Amino acid sequence: MNELSIIHHPYIYLAFISFHLFSGQGLTGVCYWLRFGKSPIICYQKQSYNRHHLISQWLILPVLVWFSCISLYALSQEFRSSCFNWPLSVISPLYGWGIAIIGLGGMLVCQYQMGEAFRVGQESKKEQSQNILKTKGCFKYSRNPIYFFSILYLIGVSLWSLIWPVWIALMTIIVLIHFLVLEEEHFLAQRFGDAYLIYKRSAPRYIGLIRT
């Protein structure tokens, strides 16, 4: 932290995180609106309070803890010097930058390829019936590429502040995202039937050769 180069400077890093929040939500929403004439952000239906909704709510706390700890680590010398925040390891910031940029870029590409099916929230039964199963592009190699690249981004950003509060929050986020994926897979199996089961056998849940 003594060398305030562009890869070390905390303000630059926080600006990058802020850009991710802007591009991942605001910019994506604008592009979606221009392409399809509507917002991708929708509310959960009143009659559809379910496990997916509950897990999404559980995600809020660890995400806030994760972001707060990274922000404090970047901005507060006292927080960095605390005996509770000794780094777990020392890794060049270049690794974190590289992984985070790949994660952010991959996430945006996958959101674009998902097209009109990309939504934030839970649609009505009528809207769900109009959805098409995505199996091309990034989805040919992963059933959940947006989640995969989002996790990759979070890991990359977390490498910049290797302290235990950040990594406990990160592991909690990853576990909850996995539970979200399981809930969505259950829904897709019911929604698309055999078509999804065939797709499930051809593409891994995240990435790699293992089909689950």
C-alpha atoms as a PDB file:
ATOM      1  CA  MET A   1       0.000   0.000   0.000  1.00  0.00           C
ATOM      2  CA  ASN A   2       3.005   2.263   0.212  1.00  0.00           C
ATOM      3  CA  GLU A   3       3.480   2.310  -3.548  1.00  0.00           C
ATOM      4  CA  LEU A   4       0.458   4.130  -4.826  1.00  0.00           C
ATOM      5  CA  SER A   5       0.782   3.007  -8.427  1.00  0.00           C
ATOM      6  CA  ILE A   6      -2.329   2.550 -10.524  1.00  0.00           C
ATOM      7  CA  ILE A   7      -2.558  -1.116  -9.525  1.00  0.00           C
ATOM      8  CA  HIS A   8      -2.108  -0.387  -5.809  1.00  0.00           C
ATOM      9  CA  HIS A   9      -4.046   2.824  -5.317  1.00  0.00           C
ATOM     10  CA  PRO A  10      -7.188   2.159  -3.210  1.00  0.00           C
ATOM     11  CA  TYR A  11      -9.226   4.880  -4.912  1.00  0.00           C
ATOM     12  CA  ILE A  12      -8.545   3.348  -8.326  1.00  0.00           C
ATOM     13  CA  TYR A  13      -9.631  -0.033  -7.041  1.00  0.00           C
ATOM     14  CA  LEU A  14     -12.822   1.297  -5.482  1.00  0.00           C
ATOM     15  CA  ALA A  15     -13.544   3.151  -8.720  1.00  0.00           C
ATOM     16  CA  PHE A  16     -13.232  -0.176 -10.561  1.00  0.00           C
ATOM     17  CA  ILE A  17     -15.693  -1.822  -8.158  1.00  0.00           C
ATOM     18  CA  SER A  18     -18.076   1.104  -8.624  1.00  0.00           C
ATOM     19  CA  PHE A  19     -17.757   0.733 -12.404  1.00  0.00           C
ATOM     20  CA  HIS A  20     -18.734  -2.917 -12.042  1.00  0.00           C
ATOM     21  CA  LEU A  21     -21.845  -1.953 -10.083  1.00  0.00           C
ATOM     22  CA  PHE A  22     -22.712   0.675 -12.692  1.00  0.00           C
ATOM     23  CA  SER A  23     -22.035  -1.491 -15.741  1.00  0.00           C
ATOM     24  CA  GLY A  24     -23.501  -4.650 -14.229  1.00  0.00           C
ATOM     25  CA  GLN A  25     -26.788  -2.960 -13.340  1.00  0.00           C
ATOM     26  CA  GLY A  26     -27.164   0.554 -14.772  1.00  0.00           C
ATOM     27  CA  LEU A  27     -25.396   0.134 -18.114  1.00  0.00           C
ATOM     28  CA  THR A  28     -26.850  -3.333 -18.627  1.00  0.00           C
ATOM     29  CA  GLY A  29     -30.314  -1.993 -17.895  1.00  0.00           C
ATOM     30  CA  VAL A  30     -29.915   0.853 -20.402  1.00  0.00           C
ATOM     31  CA  CYS A  31     -28.675  -1.519 -23.133  1.00  0.00           C
ATOM     32  CA  TYR A  32     -31.538  -3.908 -22.401  1.00  0.00           C
ATOM     33  CA  TRP A  33     -34.043  -1.058 -22.629  1.00  0.00           C
ATOM     34  CA  LEU A  34     -32.616   0.074 -25.972  1.00  0.00           C
ATOM     35  CA  ARG A  35     -32.750  -3.476 -27.360  1.00  0.00           C
ATOM     36  CA  PHE A  36     -36.146  -4.595 -26.066  1.00  0.00           C
ATOM     37  CA  GLY A  37     -37.978  -1.451 -24.965  1.00  0.00           C
ATOM     38  CA  LYS A  38     -38.376  -2.493 -21.323  1.00  0.00           C
ATOM     39  CA  SER A  39     -36.389  -2.769 -18.115  1.00  0.00           C
ATOM     40  CA  PRO A  40     -34.786  -6.084 -17.088  1.00  0.00           C
ATOM     41  CA  ILE A  41     -35.444  -5.254 -13.428  1.00  0.00           C
ATOM     42  CA  ILE A  42     -38.742  -6.654 -12.207  1.00  0.00           C
ATOM     43  CA  CYS A  43     -40.266  -7.301  -8.803  1.00  0.00           C
ATOM     44  CA  TYR A  44     -41.093 -10.651  -7.294  1.00  0.00           C
ATOM     45  CA  GLN A  45     -44.731 -11.549  -7.710  1.00  0.00           C
ATOM     46  CA  LYS A  46     -46.752 -11.348  -4.481  1.00  0.00           C
ATOM     47  CA  GLN A  47     -47.943 -14.942  -4.811  1.00  0.00           C
ATOM     48  CA  SER A  48     -44.481 -16.324  -5.592  1.00  0.00           C
ATOM     49  CA  TYR A  49     -42.560 -15.861  -2.355  1.00  0.00           C
ATOM     50  CA  ASN A  50     -40.298 -18.911  -2.470  1.00  0.00           C
ATOM     51  CA  ARG A  51     -36.837 -20.262  -1.669  1.00  0.00           C
ATOM     52  CA  HIS A  52     -35.263 -18.320  -4.547  1.00  0.00           C
ATOM     53  CA  HIS A  53     -36.614 -15.075  -3.125  1.00  0.00           C
ATOM     54  CA  LEU A  54     -35.482 -16.030   0.381  1.00  0.00           C
ATOM     55  CA  ILE A  55     -31.928 -16.901  -0.716  1.00  0.00           C
ATOM     56  CA  SER A  56     -31.741 -13.637  -2.669  1.00  0.00           C
ATOM     57  CA  GLN A  57     -32.565 -11.794   0.548  1.00  0.00           C
ATOM     58  CA  TRP A  58     -29.947 -13.766   2.482  1.00  0.00           C
ATOM     59  CA  LEU A  59     -27.348 -12.635  -0.055  1.00  0.00           C
ATOM     60  CA  ILE A  60     -27.765  -8.982   0.904  1.00  0.00           C
ATOM     61  CA  LEU A  61     -25.938  -9.203   4.256  1.00  0.00           C
ATOM     62  CA  PRO A  62     -22.729 -10.987   3.120  1.00  0.00           C
ATOM     63  CA  VAL A  63     -22.529  -8.725   0.060  1.00  0.00           C
ATOM     64  CA  LEU A  64     -22.731  -5.647   2.293  1.00  0.00           C
ATOM     65  CA  VAL A  65     -20.108  -7.096   4.665  1.00  0.00           C
ATOM     66  CA  TRP A  66     -17.833  -7.959   1.735  1.00  0.00           C
ATOM     67  CA  PHE A  67     -18.080  -4.505   0.160  1.00  0.00           C
ATOM     68  CA  SER A  68     -17.742  -2.695   3.510  1.00  0.00           C
ATOM     69  CA  CYS A  69     -14.605  -4.614   4.496  1.00  0.00           C
ATOM     70  CA  ILE A  70     -12.958  -4.012   1.127  1.00  0.00           C
ATOM     71  CA  SER A  71     -13.834  -0.306   1.312  1.00  0.00           C
ATOM     72  CA  LEU A  72     -12.484   0.007   4.867  1.00  0.00           C
ATOM     73  CA  TYR A  73      -9.333  -1.879   3.887  1.00  0.00           C
ATOM     74  CA  ALA A  74      -8.791   0.525   1.017  1.00  0.00           C
ATOM     75  CA  LEU A  75      -9.564   3.749   2.865  1.00  0.00           C
ATOM     76  CA  SER A  76      -8.556   3.178   6.494  1.00  0.00           C
ATOM     77  CA  GLN A  77      -4.957   2.662   7.586  1.00  0.00           C
ATOM     78  CA  GLU A  78      -6.193   1.795  11.083  1.00  0.00           C
ATOM     79  CA  PHE A  79      -8.422  -0.946   9.697  1.00  0.00           C
ATOM     80  CA  ARG A  80      -5.557  -2.371   7.630  1.00  0.00           C
ATOM     81  CA  SER A  81      -3.279  -2.334  10.685  1.00  0.00           C
ATOM     82  CA  SER A  82      -5.775  -4.100  12.942  1.00  0.00           C
ATOM     83  CA  CYS A  83      -4.587  -7.438  14.303  1.00  0.00           C
ATOM     84  CA  PHE A  84      -7.852  -8.946  13.041  1.00  0.00           C
ATOM     85  CA  ASN A  85      -7.045  -7.950   9.465  1.00  0.00           C
ATOM     86  CA  TRP A  86      -3.595  -9.308   8.870  1.00  0.00           C
ATOM     87  CA  PRO A  87      -3.393 -10.464   5.243  1.00  0.00           C
ATOM     88  CA  LEU A  88      -3.798 -14.201   4.739  1.00  0.00           C
ATOM     89  CA  SER A  89      -1.192 -14.025   1.976  1.00  0.00           C
ATOM     90  CA  VAL A  90       0.641 -11.524  -0.211  1.00  0.00           C
ATOM     91  CA  ILE A  91      -0.269 -11.671  -3.902  1.00  0.00           C
ATOM     92  CA  SER A  92       0.520  -9.159  -6.619  1.00  0.00           C
ATOM     93  CA  PRO A  93      -2.495  -6.910  -7.373  1.00  0.00           C
ATOM     94  CA  LEU A  94      -2.025  -7.792 -11.048  1.00  0.00           C
ATOM     95  CA  TYR A  95      -3.567 -11.213 -10.427  1.00  0.00           C
ATOM     96  CA  GLY A  96      -6.628  -9.680  -8.818  1.00  0.00           C
ATOM     97  CA  TRP A  97      -6.984  -7.084 -11.567  1.00  0.00           C
ATOM     98  CA  GLY A  98      -6.650  -9.710 -14.295  1.00  0.00           C
ATOM     99  CA  ILE A  99      -9.181 -12.134 -12.808  1.00  0.00           C
ATOM    100  CA  ALA A 100     -11.648  -9.338 -11.979  1.00  0.00           C
ATOM    101  CA  ILE A 101     -11.489  -7.837 -15.483  1.00  0.00           C
ATOM    102  CA  ILE A 102     -12.037 -11.265 -17.078  1.00  0.00           C
ATOM    103  CA  GLY A 103     -14.961 -11.843 -14.718  1.00  0.00           C
ATOM    104  CA  LEU A 104     -16.554  -8.468 -15.454  1.00  0.00           C
ATOM    105  CA  GLY A 105     -16.084  -8.789 -19.223  1.00  0.00           C
ATOM    106  CA  GLY A 106     -17.416 -12.341 -19.286  1.00  0.00           C
ATOM    107  CA  MET A 107     -20.439 -11.399 -17.199  1.00  0.00           C
ATOM    108  CA  LEU A 108     -21.384  -8.537 -19.537  1.00  0.00           C
ATOM    109  CA  VAL A 109     -20.963 -10.708 -22.648  1.00  0.00           C
ATOM    110  CA  CYS A 110     -23.149 -13.448 -21.163  1.00  0.00           C
ATOM    111  CA  GLN A 111     -25.827 -10.961 -20.122  1.00  0.00           C
ATOM    112  CA  TYR A 112     -25.888  -9.646 -23.690  1.00  0.00           C
ATOM    113  CA  GLN A 113     -26.079 -13.155 -25.183  1.00  0.00           C
ATOM    114  CA  MET A 114     -28.934 -14.045 -22.854  1.00  0.00           C
ATOM    115  CA  GLY A 115     -30.968 -11.419 -24.681  1.00  0.00           C
ATOM    116  CA  GLU A 116     -34.521 -10.746 -23.602  1.00  0.00           C
ATOM    117  CA  ALA A 117     -34.444 -13.693 -21.179  1.00  0.00           C
ATOM    118  CA  PHE A 118     -32.074 -11.779 -18.881  1.00  0.00           C
ATOM    119  CA  ARG A 119     -34.211 -10.499 -16.009  1.00  0.00           C
ATOM    120  CA  VAL A 120     -33.545  -9.387 -12.429  1.00  0.00           C
ATOM    121  CA  GLY A 121     -36.318 -10.656 -10.183  1.00  0.00           C
ATOM    122  CA  GLN A 122     -39.082 -13.154 -10.846  1.00  0.00           C
ATOM    123  CA  GLU A 123     -41.549 -12.871 -13.697  1.00  0.00           C
ATOM    124  CA  SER A 124     -45.246 -13.600 -13.747  1.00  0.00           C
ATOM    125  CA  LYS A 125     -46.441 -17.012 -14.934  1.00  0.00           C
ATOM    126  CA  LYS A 126     -47.436 -15.489 -18.286  1.00  0.00           C
ATOM    127  CA  GLU A 127     -43.976 -13.973 -18.854  1.00  0.00           C
ATOM    128  CA  GLN A 128     -42.262 -17.209 -17.764  1.00  0.00           C
ATOM    129  CA  SER A 129     -44.249 -19.179 -20.348  1.00  0.00           C
ATOM    130  CA  GLN A 130     -42.807 -16.979 -23.101  1.00  0.00           C
ATOM    131  CA  ASN A 131     -39.165 -17.606 -22.171  1.00  0.00           C
ATOM    132  CA  ILE A 132     -36.864 -19.595 -24.433  1.00  0.00           C
ATOM    133  CA  LEU A 133     -34.174 -21.954 -23.132  1.00  0.00           C
ATOM    134  CA  LYS A 134     -30.746 -20.489 -23.923  1.00  0.00           C
ATOM    135  CA  THR A 135     -28.234 -23.089 -25.127  1.00  0.00           C
ATOM    136  CA  LYS A 136     -26.038 -21.148 -27.572  1.00  0.00           C
ATOM    137  CA  GLY A 137     -22.983 -18.917 -27.174  1.00  0.00           C
ATOM    138  CA  CYS A 138     -21.587 -18.909 -23.636  1.00  0.00           C
ATOM    139  CA  PHE A 139     -24.471 -21.132 -22.561  1.00  0.00           C
ATOM    140  CA  LYS A 140     -23.106 -23.926 -24.731  1.00  0.00           C
ATOM    141  CA  TYR A 141     -20.152 -24.267 -22.358  1.00  0.00           C
ATOM    142  CA  SER A 142     -21.840 -23.454 -19.043  1.00  0.00           C
ATOM    143  CA  ARG A 143     -25.435 -23.563 -17.852  1.00  0.00           C
ATOM    144  CA  ASN A 144     -24.753 -20.634 -15.521  1.00  0.00           C
ATOM    145  CA  PRO A 145     -22.050 -18.482 -17.162  1.00  0.00           C
ATOM    146  CA  ILE A 146     -23.299 -15.208 -15.631  1.00  0.00           C
ATOM    147  CA  TYR A 147     -22.990 -16.637 -12.128  1.00  0.00           C
ATOM    148  CA  PHE A 148     -19.616 -18.190 -12.982  1.00  0.00           C
ATOM    149  CA  PHE A 149     -18.109 -14.932 -14.224  1.00  0.00           C
ATOM    150  CA  SER A 150     -19.677 -13.007 -11.332  1.00  0.00           C
ATOM    151  CA  ILE A 151     -17.952 -15.345  -8.865  1.00  0.00           C
ATOM    152  CA  LEU A 152     -14.711 -14.992 -10.823  1.00  0.00           C
ATOM    153  CA  TYR A 153     -15.013 -11.208 -10.533  1.00  0.00           C
ATOM    154  CA  LEU A 154     -15.628 -11.386  -6.780  1.00  0.00           C
ATOM    155  CA  ILE A 155     -12.592 -13.628  -6.298  1.00  0.00           C
ATOM    156  CA  GLY A 156     -10.410 -11.283  -8.344  1.00  0.00           C
ATOM    157  CA  VAL A 157     -11.496  -8.225  -6.368  1.00  0.00           C
ATOM    158  CA  SER A 158     -11.038 -10.086  -3.072  1.00  0.00           C
ATOM    159  CA  LEU A 159      -7.432 -10.968  -3.950  1.00  0.00           C
ATOM    160  CA  TRP A 160      -6.629  -7.291  -3.484  1.00  0.00           C
ATOM    161  CA  SER A 161      -7.504  -7.463   0.235  1.00  0.00           C
ATOM    162  CA  LEU A 162      -6.600 -10.919   1.499  1.00  0.00           C
ATOM    163  CA  ILE A 163      -8.090 -10.533   4.974  1.00  0.00           C
ATOM    164  CA  TRP A 164     -10.304 -13.057   6.704  1.00  0.00           C
ATOM    165  CA  PRO A 165     -13.515 -10.934   6.977  1.00  0.00           C
ATOM    166  CA  VAL A 166     -13.521 -10.446   3.195  1.00  0.00           C
ATOM    167  CA  TRP A 167     -12.975 -14.118   2.488  1.00  0.00           C
ATOM    168  CA  ILE A 168     -15.552 -15.344   5.001  1.00  0.00           C
ATOM    169  CA  ALA A 169     -18.102 -13.036   3.357  1.00  0.00           C
ATOM    170  CA  LEU A 170     -16.960 -14.171  -0.105  1.00  0.00           C
ATOM    171  CA  MET A 171     -17.328 -17.875   0.724  1.00  0.00           C
ATOM    172  CA  THR A 172     -20.804 -17.187   2.122  1.00  0.00           C
ATOM    173  CA  ILE A 173     -21.762 -15.363  -1.089  1.00  0.00           C
ATOM    174  CA  ILE A 174     -20.499 -18.228  -3.263  1.00  0.00           C
ATOM    175  CA  VAL A 175     -22.413 -20.836  -1.229  1.00  0.00           C
ATOM    176  CA  LEU A 176     -25.645 -18.818  -1.456  1.00  0.00           C
ATOM    177  CA  ILE A 177     -25.163 -18.295  -5.206  1.00  0.00           C
ATOM    178  CA  HIS A 178     -24.810 -22.073  -5.558  1.00  0.00           C
ATOM    179  CA  PHE A 179     -28.105 -22.555  -3.721  1.00  0.00           C
ATOM    180  CA  LEU A 180     -29.693 -20.002  -6.070  1.00  0.00           C
ATOM    181  CA  VAL A 181     -28.419 -22.011  -9.032  1.00  0.00           C
ATOM    182  CA  LEU A 182     -29.931 -25.217  -7.626  1.00  0.00           C
ATOM    183  CA  GLU A 183     -33.303 -23.503  -7.220  1.00  0.00           C
ATOM    184  CA  GLU A 184     -33.164 -22.130 -10.765  1.00  0.00           C
ATOM    185  CA  GLU A 185     -32.229 -25.534 -12.177  1.00  0.00           C
ATOM    186  CA  HIS A 186     -35.252 -27.058 -10.456  1.00  0.00           C
ATOM    187  CA  PHE A 187     -37.472 -24.372 -11.992  1.00  0.00           C
ATOM    188  CA  LEU A 188     -35.965 -24.822 -15.470  1.00  0.00           C
ATOM    189  CA  ALA A 189     -36.444 -28.595 -15.308  1.00  0.00           C
ATOM    190  CA  GLN A 190     -40.136 -28.031 -14.570  1.00  0.00           C
ATOM    191  CA  ARG A 191     -40.488 -25.257 -17.145  1.00  0.00           C
ATOM    192  CA  PHE A 192     -38.714 -26.894 -20.109  1.00  0.00           C
ATOM    193  CA  GLY A 193     -38.906 -30.600 -19.220  1.00  0.00           C
ATOM    194  CA  ASP A 194     -36.895 -32.976 -21.418  1.00  0.00           C
ATOM    195  CA  ALA A 195     -35.327 -30.107 -23.382  1.00  0.00           C
ATOM    196  CA  TYR A 196     -33.598 -28.879 -20.224  1.00  0.00           C
ATOM    197  CA  LEU A 197     -32.567 -32.395 -19.159  1.00  0.00           C
ATOM    198  CA  ILE A 198     -30.907 -32.931 -22.554  1.00  0.00           C
ATOM    199  CA  TYR A 199     -29.180 -29.549 -22.263  1.00  0.00           C
ATOM    200  CA  LYS A 200     -28.134 -30.418 -18.711  1.00  0.00           C
ATOM    201  CA  ARG A 201     -26.274 -33.482 -19.984  1.00  0.00           C
ATOM    202  CA  SER A 202     -24.422 -31.465 -22.634  1.00  0.00           C
ATOM    203  CA  ALA A 203     -23.205 -28.481 -20.580  1.00  0.00           C
ATOM    204  CA  PRO A 204     -21.636 -28.290 -17.100  1.00  0.00           C
ATOM    205  CA  ARG A 205     -23.287 -26.384 -14.279  1.00  0.00           C
ATOM    206  CA  TYR A 206     -20.420 -23.891 -14.134  1.00  0.00           C
ATOM    207  CA  ILE A 207     -17.396 -24.827 -16.226  1.00  0.00           C
ATOM    208  CA  GLY A 208     -15.272 -27.878 -16.949  1.00  0.00           C
ATOM    209  CA  LEU A 209     -15.882 -31.446 -18.023  1.00  0.00           C
ATOM    210  CA  ILE A 210     -18.145 -32.476 -15.138  1.00  0.00           C
ATOM    211  CA  ARG A 211     -21.831 -32.585 -16.099  1.00  0.00           C
ATOM    212  CA  THR A 212     -24.064 -32.163 -13.044  1.00  0.00           C
END
